Amino acid sequence: MAYFNGTIHGLNNPLTGRYEPGEKCTRVLCDDCAEIELPLKPKGTVGRHWDTGFKWAPWYGAKCHRCNREA
């Protein structure tokens, strides 16, 4: 399981009528490091890290940038 910043894909902006590419991922964190590094809402709250710009991805499969374990 991992948390990552950036976006998976872009989107069509309805205001401009143009495609906007996704933001490049620059940081991946495993669950343990995310608990240390990212600010949290109260435990048990759904989407605890979503207001930080990080998303949860159980399939990400990259190394954690903090501890180097597979995230």
PDB file of N, CA and C in Angstrom:
ATOM      1  N   MET A   1       0.845  -1.180   0.000  1.00  0.00           N
ATOM      2  CA  MET A   1       0.000   0.000   0.000  1.00  0.00           C
ATOM      3  C   MET A   1       0.890   1.243   0.000  1.00  0.00           C
ATOM      4  N   ALA A   2       0.449   2.267  -0.673  1.00  0.00           N
ATOM      5  CA  ALA A   2       1.287   3.452  -0.823  1.00  0.00           C
ATOM      6  C   ALA A   2       0.447   4.716  -0.860  1.00  0.00           C
ATOM      7  N   TYR A   3       1.095   5.803  -0.545  1.00  0.00           N
ATOM      8  CA  TYR A   3       0.544   7.137  -0.778  1.00  0.00           C
ATOM      9  C   TYR A   3       1.441   7.811  -1.784  1.00  0.00           C
ATOM     10  N   PHE A   4       0.875   8.557  -2.715  1.00  0.00           N
ATOM     11  CA  PHE A   4       1.683   9.253  -3.709  1.00  0.00           C
ATOM     12  C   PHE A   4       1.058  10.613  -3.991  1.00  0.00           C
ATOM     13  N   ASN A   5       1.908  11.558  -4.423  1.00  0.00           N
ATOM     14  CA  ASN A   5       1.379  12.852  -4.839  1.00  0.00           C
ATOM     15  C   ASN A   5       1.293  12.877  -6.355  1.00  0.00           C
ATOM     16  N   GLY A   6       0.834  13.945  -6.929  1.00  0.00           N
ATOM     17  CA  GLY A   6       0.626  14.004  -8.366  1.00  0.00           C
ATOM     18  C   GLY A   6      -0.742  13.445  -8.717  1.00  0.00           C
ATOM     19  N   THR A   7      -0.976  13.212  -9.999  1.00  0.00           N
ATOM     20  CA  THR A   7      -2.238  12.628 -10.437  1.00  0.00           C
ATOM     21  C   THR A   7      -1.966  11.490 -11.399  1.00  0.00           C
ATOM     22  N   ILE A   8      -2.890  10.571 -11.489  1.00  0.00           N
ATOM     23  CA  ILE A   8      -2.740   9.414 -12.355  1.00  0.00           C
ATOM     24  C   ILE A   8      -2.942   9.815 -13.813  1.00  0.00           C
ATOM     25  N   HIS A   9      -3.880  10.683 -14.068  1.00  0.00           N
ATOM     26  CA  HIS A   9      -4.191  11.088 -15.439  1.00  0.00           C
ATOM     27  C   HIS A   9      -4.674  12.527 -15.432  1.00  0.00           C
ATOM     28  N   GLY A  10      -4.696  13.121 -16.591  1.00  0.00           N
ATOM     29  CA  GLY A  10      -5.184  14.491 -16.725  1.00  0.00           C
ATOM     30  C   GLY A  10      -6.693  14.529 -16.811  1.00  0.00           C
ATOM     31  N   LEU A  11      -7.203  15.705 -17.135  1.00  0.00           N
ATOM     32  CA  LEU A  11      -8.650  15.851 -17.255  1.00  0.00           C
ATOM     33  C   LEU A  11      -8.986  16.918 -18.277  1.00  0.00           C
ATOM     34  N   ASN A  12     -10.186  16.851 -18.782  1.00  0.00           N
ATOM     35  CA  ASN A  12     -10.686  17.886 -19.681  1.00  0.00           C
ATOM     36  C   ASN A  12     -11.326  18.972 -18.828  1.00  0.00           C
ATOM     37  N   ASN A  13     -10.777  20.167 -18.888  1.00  0.00           N
ATOM     38  CA  ASN A  13     -11.272  21.276 -18.086  1.00  0.00           C
ATOM     39  C   ASN A  13     -12.512  21.866 -18.766  1.00  0.00           C
ATOM     40  N   PRO A  14     -13.670  21.777 -18.113  1.00  0.00           N
ATOM     41  CA  PRO A  14     -14.885  22.293 -18.741  1.00  0.00           C
ATOM     42  C   PRO A  14     -14.894  23.822 -18.888  1.00  0.00           C
ATOM     43  N   LEU A  15     -14.104  24.522 -18.088  1.00  0.00           N
ATOM     44  CA  LEU A  15     -14.065  25.980 -18.161  1.00  0.00           C
ATOM     45  C   LEU A  15     -13.276  26.469 -19.380  1.00  0.00           C
ATOM     46  N   THR A  16     -12.183  25.761 -19.696  1.00  0.00           N
ATOM     47  CA  THR A  16     -11.348  26.175 -20.826  1.00  0.00           C
ATOM     48  C   THR A  16     -11.602  25.343 -22.074  1.00  0.00           C
ATOM     49  N   GLY A  17     -12.214  24.165 -21.914  1.00  0.00           N
ATOM     50  CA  GLY A  17     -12.426  23.271 -23.038  1.00  0.00           C
ATOM     51  C   GLY A  17     -11.150  22.589 -23.499  1.00  0.00           C
ATOM     52  N   ARG A  18     -10.119  22.615 -22.656  1.00  0.00           N
ATOM     53  CA  ARG A  18      -8.827  22.034 -23.015  1.00  0.00           C
ATOM     54  C   ARG A  18      -8.468  20.888 -22.080  1.00  0.00           C
ATOM     55  N   TYR A  19      -7.633  19.993 -22.592  1.00  0.00           N
ATOM     56  CA  TYR A  19      -7.096  18.900 -21.784  1.00  0.00           C
ATOM     57  C   TYR A  19      -5.950  19.424 -20.927  1.00  0.00           C
ATOM     58  N   GLU A  20      -5.957  19.073 -19.653  1.00  0.00           N
ATOM     59  CA  GLU A  20      -4.870  19.448 -18.751  1.00  0.00           C
ATOM     60  C   GLU A  20      -4.165  18.183 -18.294  1.00  0.00           C
ATOM     61  N   PRO A  21      -2.874  18.038 -18.601  1.00  0.00           N
ATOM     62  CA  PRO A  21      -2.154  16.829 -18.202  1.00  0.00           C
ATOM     63  C   PRO A  21      -2.062  16.709 -16.687  1.00  0.00           C
ATOM     64  N   GLY A  22      -1.916  15.491 -16.228  1.00  0.00           N
ATOM     65  CA  GLY A  22      -1.792  15.254 -14.789  1.00  0.00           C
ATOM     66  C   GLY A  22      -0.479  15.764 -14.228  1.00  0.00           C
ATOM     67  N   GLU A  23      -0.445  16.006 -12.924  1.00  0.00           N
ATOM     68  CA  GLU A  23       0.783  16.445 -12.265  1.00  0.00           C
ATOM     69  C   GLU A  23       1.699  15.243 -12.080  1.00  0.00           C
ATOM     70  N   LYS A  24       2.983  15.425 -12.299  1.00  0.00           N
ATOM     71  CA  LYS A  24       3.959  14.354 -12.157  1.00  0.00           C
ATOM     72  C   LYS A  24       4.120  13.964 -10.685  1.00  0.00           C
ATOM     73  N   CYS A  25       4.190  12.666 -10.424  1.00  0.00           N
ATOM     74  CA  CYS A  25       4.427  12.165  -9.067  1.00  0.00           C
ATOM     75  C   CYS A  25       5.880  12.420  -8.696  1.00  0.00           C
ATOM     76  N   THR A  26       6.107  13.031  -7.536  1.00  0.00           N
ATOM     77  CA  THR A  26       7.465  13.312  -7.081  1.00  0.00           C
ATOM     78  C   THR A  26       7.797  12.636  -5.752  1.00  0.00           C
ATOM     79  N   ARG A  27       6.789  12.055  -5.091  1.00  0.00           N
ATOM     80  CA  ARG A  27       7.037  11.434  -3.778  1.00  0.00           C
ATOM     81  C   ARG A  27       6.072  10.283  -3.563  1.00  0.00           C
ATOM     82  N   VAL A  28       6.616   9.135  -3.128  1.00  0.00           N
ATOM     83  CA  VAL A  28       5.829   7.946  -2.786  1.00  0.00           C
ATOM     84  C   VAL A  28       6.185   7.575  -1.356  1.00  0.00           C
ATOM     85  N   LEU A  29       5.184   7.259  -0.543  1.00  0.00           N
ATOM     86  CA  LEU A  29       5.404   6.880   0.854  1.00  0.00           C
ATOM     87  C   LEU A  29       4.652   5.589   1.173  1.00  0.00           C
ATOM     88  N   CYS A  30       5.282   4.678   1.910  1.00  0.00           N
ATOM     89  CA  CYS A  30       4.581   3.496   2.387  1.00  0.00           C
ATOM     90  C   CYS A  30       3.617   3.923   3.498  1.00  0.00           C
ATOM     91  N   ASP A  31       2.743   3.027   3.910  1.00  0.00           N
ATOM     92  CA  ASP A  31       1.761   3.368   4.943  1.00  0.00           C
ATOM     93  C   ASP A  31       2.424   3.847   6.232  1.00  0.00           C
ATOM     94  N   ASP A  32       3.500   3.171   6.654  1.00  0.00           N
ATOM     95  CA  ASP A  32       4.159   3.544   7.911  1.00  0.00           C
ATOM     96  C   ASP A  32       4.769   4.942   7.836  1.00  0.00           C
ATOM     97  N   CYS A  33       5.455   5.237   6.734  1.00  0.00           N
ATOM     98  CA  CYS A  33       6.077   6.557   6.591  1.00  0.00           C
ATOM     99  C   CYS A  33       5.040   7.655   6.390  1.00  0.00           C
ATOM    100  N   ALA A  34       3.924   7.323   5.752  1.00  0.00           N
ATOM    101  CA  ALA A  34       2.851   8.309   5.592  1.00  0.00           C
ATOM    102  C   ALA A  34       2.299   8.710   6.956  1.00  0.00           C
ATOM    103  N   GLU A  35       2.201   7.759   7.881  1.00  0.00           N
ATOM    104  CA  GLU A  35       1.718   8.072   9.228  1.00  0.00           C
ATOM    105  C   GLU A  35       2.651   9.039   9.942  1.00  0.00           C
ATOM    106  N   ILE A  36       3.943   8.992   9.633  1.00  0.00           N
ATOM    107  CA  ILE A  36       4.936   9.867  10.265  1.00  0.00           C
ATOM    108  C   ILE A  36       5.006  11.222   9.558  1.00  0.00           C
ATOM    109  N   GLU A  37       5.030  11.196   8.236  1.00  0.00           N
ATOM    110  CA  GLU A  37       5.350  12.395   7.467  1.00  0.00           C
ATOM    111  C   GLU A  37       4.159  13.281   7.115  1.00  0.00           C
ATOM    112  N   LEU A  38       2.995  12.685   6.905  1.00  0.00           N
ATOM    113  CA  LEU A  38       1.848  13.471   6.451  1.00  0.00           C
ATOM    114  C   LEU A  38       0.971  13.896   7.621  1.00  0.00           C
ATOM    115  N   PRO A  39       0.455  15.121   7.590  1.00  0.00           N
ATOM    116  CA  PRO A  39      -0.476  15.538   8.637  1.00  0.00           C
ATOM    117  C   PRO A  39      -1.743  14.686   8.574  1.00  0.00           C
ATOM    118  N   LEU A  40      -2.313  14.411   9.726  1.00  0.00           N
ATOM    119  CA  LEU A  40      -3.457  13.505   9.808  1.00  0.00           C
ATOM    120  C   LEU A  40      -4.709  14.190  10.305  1.00  0.00           C
ATOM    121  N   LYS A  41      -5.839  13.689   9.832  1.00  0.00           N
ATOM    122  CA  LYS A  41      -7.116  13.984  10.477  1.00  0.00           C
ATOM    123  C   LYS A  41      -7.259  12.954  11.603  1.00  0.00           C
ATOM    124  N   PRO A  42      -8.282  13.023  12.423  1.00  0.00           N
ATOM    125  CA  PRO A  42      -8.428  12.058  13.514  1.00  0.00           C
ATOM    126  C   PRO A  42      -8.450  10.613  13.017  1.00  0.00           C
ATOM    127  N   LYS A  43      -7.855   9.707  13.789  1.00  0.00           N
ATOM    128  CA  LYS A  43      -7.796   8.291  13.425  1.00  0.00           C
ATOM    129  C   LYS A  43      -9.199   7.753  13.183  1.00  0.00           C
ATOM    130  N   GLY A  44      -9.340   6.912  12.168  1.00  0.00           N
ATOM    131  CA  GLY A  44     -10.639   6.354  11.827  1.00  0.00           C
ATOM    132  C   GLY A  44     -11.413   7.188  10.817  1.00  0.00           C
ATOM    133  N   THR A  45     -10.892   8.366  10.466  1.00  0.00           N
ATOM    134  CA  THR A  45     -11.552   9.218   9.482  1.00  0.00           C
ATOM    135  C   THR A  45     -11.231   8.689   8.084  1.00  0.00           C
ATOM    136  N   VAL A  46     -12.217   8.579   7.239  1.00  0.00           N
ATOM    137  CA  VAL A  46     -12.000   8.120   5.870  1.00  0.00           C
ATOM    138  C   VAL A  46     -11.220   9.178   5.100  1.00  0.00           C
ATOM    139  N   GLY A  47     -10.248   8.737   4.297  1.00  0.00           N
ATOM    140  CA  GLY A  47      -9.455   9.678   3.503  1.00  0.00           C
ATOM    141  C   GLY A  47      -8.551  10.546   4.355  1.00  0.00           C
ATOM    142  N   ARG A  48      -7.841   9.931   5.300  1.00  0.00           N
ATOM    143  CA  ARG A  48      -7.064  10.690   6.269  1.00  0.00           C
ATOM    144  C   ARG A  48      -6.044  11.642   5.645  1.00  0.00           C
ATOM    145  N   HIS A  49      -5.477  11.314   4.493  1.00  0.00           N
ATOM    146  CA  HIS A  49      -4.426  12.140   3.904  1.00  0.00           C
ATOM    147  C   HIS A  49      -4.878  12.895   2.660  1.00  0.00           C
ATOM    148  N   TRP A  50      -6.131  12.815   2.269  1.00  0.00           N
ATOM    149  CA  TRP A  50      -6.572  13.389   0.999  1.00  0.00           C
ATOM    150  C   TRP A  50      -6.435  14.899   0.948  1.00  0.00           C
ATOM    151  N   ASP A  51      -6.475  15.583   2.064  1.00  0.00           N
ATOM    152  CA  ASP A  51      -6.346  17.038   2.032  1.00  0.00           C
ATOM    153  C   ASP A  51      -4.893  17.490   1.968  1.00  0.00           C
ATOM    154  N   THR A  52      -3.946  16.549   1.846  1.00  0.00           N
ATOM    155  CA  THR A  52      -2.525  16.888   1.774  1.00  0.00           C
ATOM    156  C   THR A  52      -1.994  16.878   0.351  1.00  0.00           C
ATOM    157  N   GLY A  53      -2.788  16.459  -0.610  1.00  0.00           N
ATOM    158  CA  GLY A  53      -2.292  16.304  -1.969  1.00  0.00           C
ATOM    159  C   GLY A  53      -1.786  14.907  -2.254  1.00  0.00           C
ATOM    160  N   PHE A  54      -1.826  14.013  -1.247  1.00  0.00           N
ATOM    161  CA  PHE A  54      -1.415  12.623  -1.436  1.00  0.00           C
ATOM    162  C   PHE A  54      -2.641  11.742  -1.582  1.00  0.00           C
ATOM    163  N   LYS A  55      -2.514  10.716  -2.407  1.00  0.00           N
ATOM    164  CA  LYS A  55      -3.595   9.764  -2.642  1.00  0.00           C
ATOM    165  C   LYS A  55      -3.127   8.369  -2.243  1.00  0.00           C
ATOM    166  N   TRP A  56      -4.063   7.515  -1.894  1.00  0.00           N
ATOM    167  CA  TRP A  56      -3.754   6.148  -1.495  1.00  0.00           C
ATOM    168  C   TRP A  56      -3.835   5.247  -2.710  1.00  0.00           C
ATOM    169  N   ALA A  57      -2.855   4.378  -2.895  1.00  0.00           N
ATOM    170  CA  ALA A  57      -2.846   3.489  -4.052  1.00  0.00           C
ATOM    171  C   ALA A  57      -2.345   2.113  -3.639  1.00  0.00           C
ATOM    172  N   PRO A  58      -3.235   1.159  -3.419  1.00  0.00           N
ATOM    173  CA  PRO A  58      -2.798  -0.175  -3.001  1.00  0.00           C
ATOM    174  C   PRO A  58      -2.010  -0.914  -4.080  1.00  0.00           C
ATOM    175  N   TRP A  59      -2.010  -0.424  -5.318  1.00  0.00           N
ATOM    176  CA  TRP A  59      -1.366  -1.101  -6.443  1.00  0.00           C
ATOM    177  C   TRP A  59      -0.115  -0.382  -6.934  1.00  0.00           C
ATOM    178  N   TYR A  60       0.346   0.652  -6.263  1.00  0.00           N
ATOM    179  CA  TYR A  60       1.374   1.528  -6.832  1.00  0.00           C
ATOM    180  C   TYR A  60       2.671   0.795  -7.182  1.00  0.00           C
ATOM    181  N   GLY A  61       3.212   0.007  -6.253  1.00  0.00           N
ATOM    182  CA  GLY A  61       4.366  -0.839  -6.562  1.00  0.00           C
ATOM    183  C   GLY A  61       5.692  -0.127  -6.747  1.00  0.00           C
ATOM    184  N   ALA A  62       5.910   1.006  -6.110  1.00  0.00           N
ATOM    185  CA  ALA A  62       7.189   1.720  -6.187  1.00  0.00           C
ATOM    186  C   ALA A  62       7.848   1.695  -4.806  1.00  0.00           C
ATOM    187  N   LYS A  63       9.120   2.061  -4.746  1.00  0.00           N
ATOM    188  CA  LYS A  63       9.830   2.133  -3.468  1.00  0.00           C
ATOM    189  C   LYS A  63       9.457   3.409  -2.730  1.00  0.00           C
ATOM    190  N   CYS A  64       9.345   3.294  -1.414  1.00  0.00           N
ATOM    191  CA  CYS A  64       9.077   4.453  -0.561  1.00  0.00           C
ATOM    192  C   CYS A  64      10.292   5.384  -0.617  1.00  0.00           C
ATOM    193  N   HIS A  65      10.056   6.680  -0.800  1.00  0.00           N
ATOM    194  CA  HIS A  65      11.149   7.639  -0.877  1.00  0.00           C
ATOM    195  C   HIS A  65      11.741   7.964   0.492  1.00  0.00           C
ATOM    196  N   ARG A  66      11.099   7.506   1.559  1.00  0.00           N
ATOM    197  CA  ARG A  66      11.598   7.793   2.905  1.00  0.00           C
ATOM    198  C   ARG A  66      12.417   6.630   3.459  1.00  0.00           C
ATOM    199  N   CYS A  67      11.910   5.372   3.325  1.00  0.00           N
ATOM    200  CA  CYS A  67      12.591   4.216   3.926  1.00  0.00           C
ATOM    201  C   CYS A  67      13.077   3.202   2.897  1.00  0.00           C
ATOM    202  N   ASN A  68      12.723   3.404   1.624  1.00  0.00           N
ATOM    203  CA  ASN A  68      13.146   2.558   0.505  1.00  0.00           C
ATOM    204  C   ASN A  68      12.515   1.163   0.477  1.00  0.00           C
ATOM    205  N   ARG A  69      11.508   0.916   1.332  1.00  0.00           N
ATOM    206  CA  ARG A  69      10.769  -0.343   1.236  1.00  0.00           C
ATOM    207  C   ARG A  69       9.789  -0.240   0.077  1.00  0.00           C
ATOM    208  N   GLU A  70       9.355  -1.394  -0.448  1.00  0.00           N
ATOM    209  CA  GLU A  70       8.355  -1.353  -1.502  1.00  0.00           C
ATOM    210  C   GLU A  70       7.056  -0.843  -0.909  1.00  0.00           C
ATOM    211  N   ALA A  71       6.474   0.158  -1.558  1.00  0.00           N
ATOM    212  CA  ALA A  71       5.258   0.781  -1.040  1.00  0.00           C
ATOM    213  C   ALA A  71       4.035   0.175  -1.715  1.00  0.00           C
TER     214      ALA A  71
END
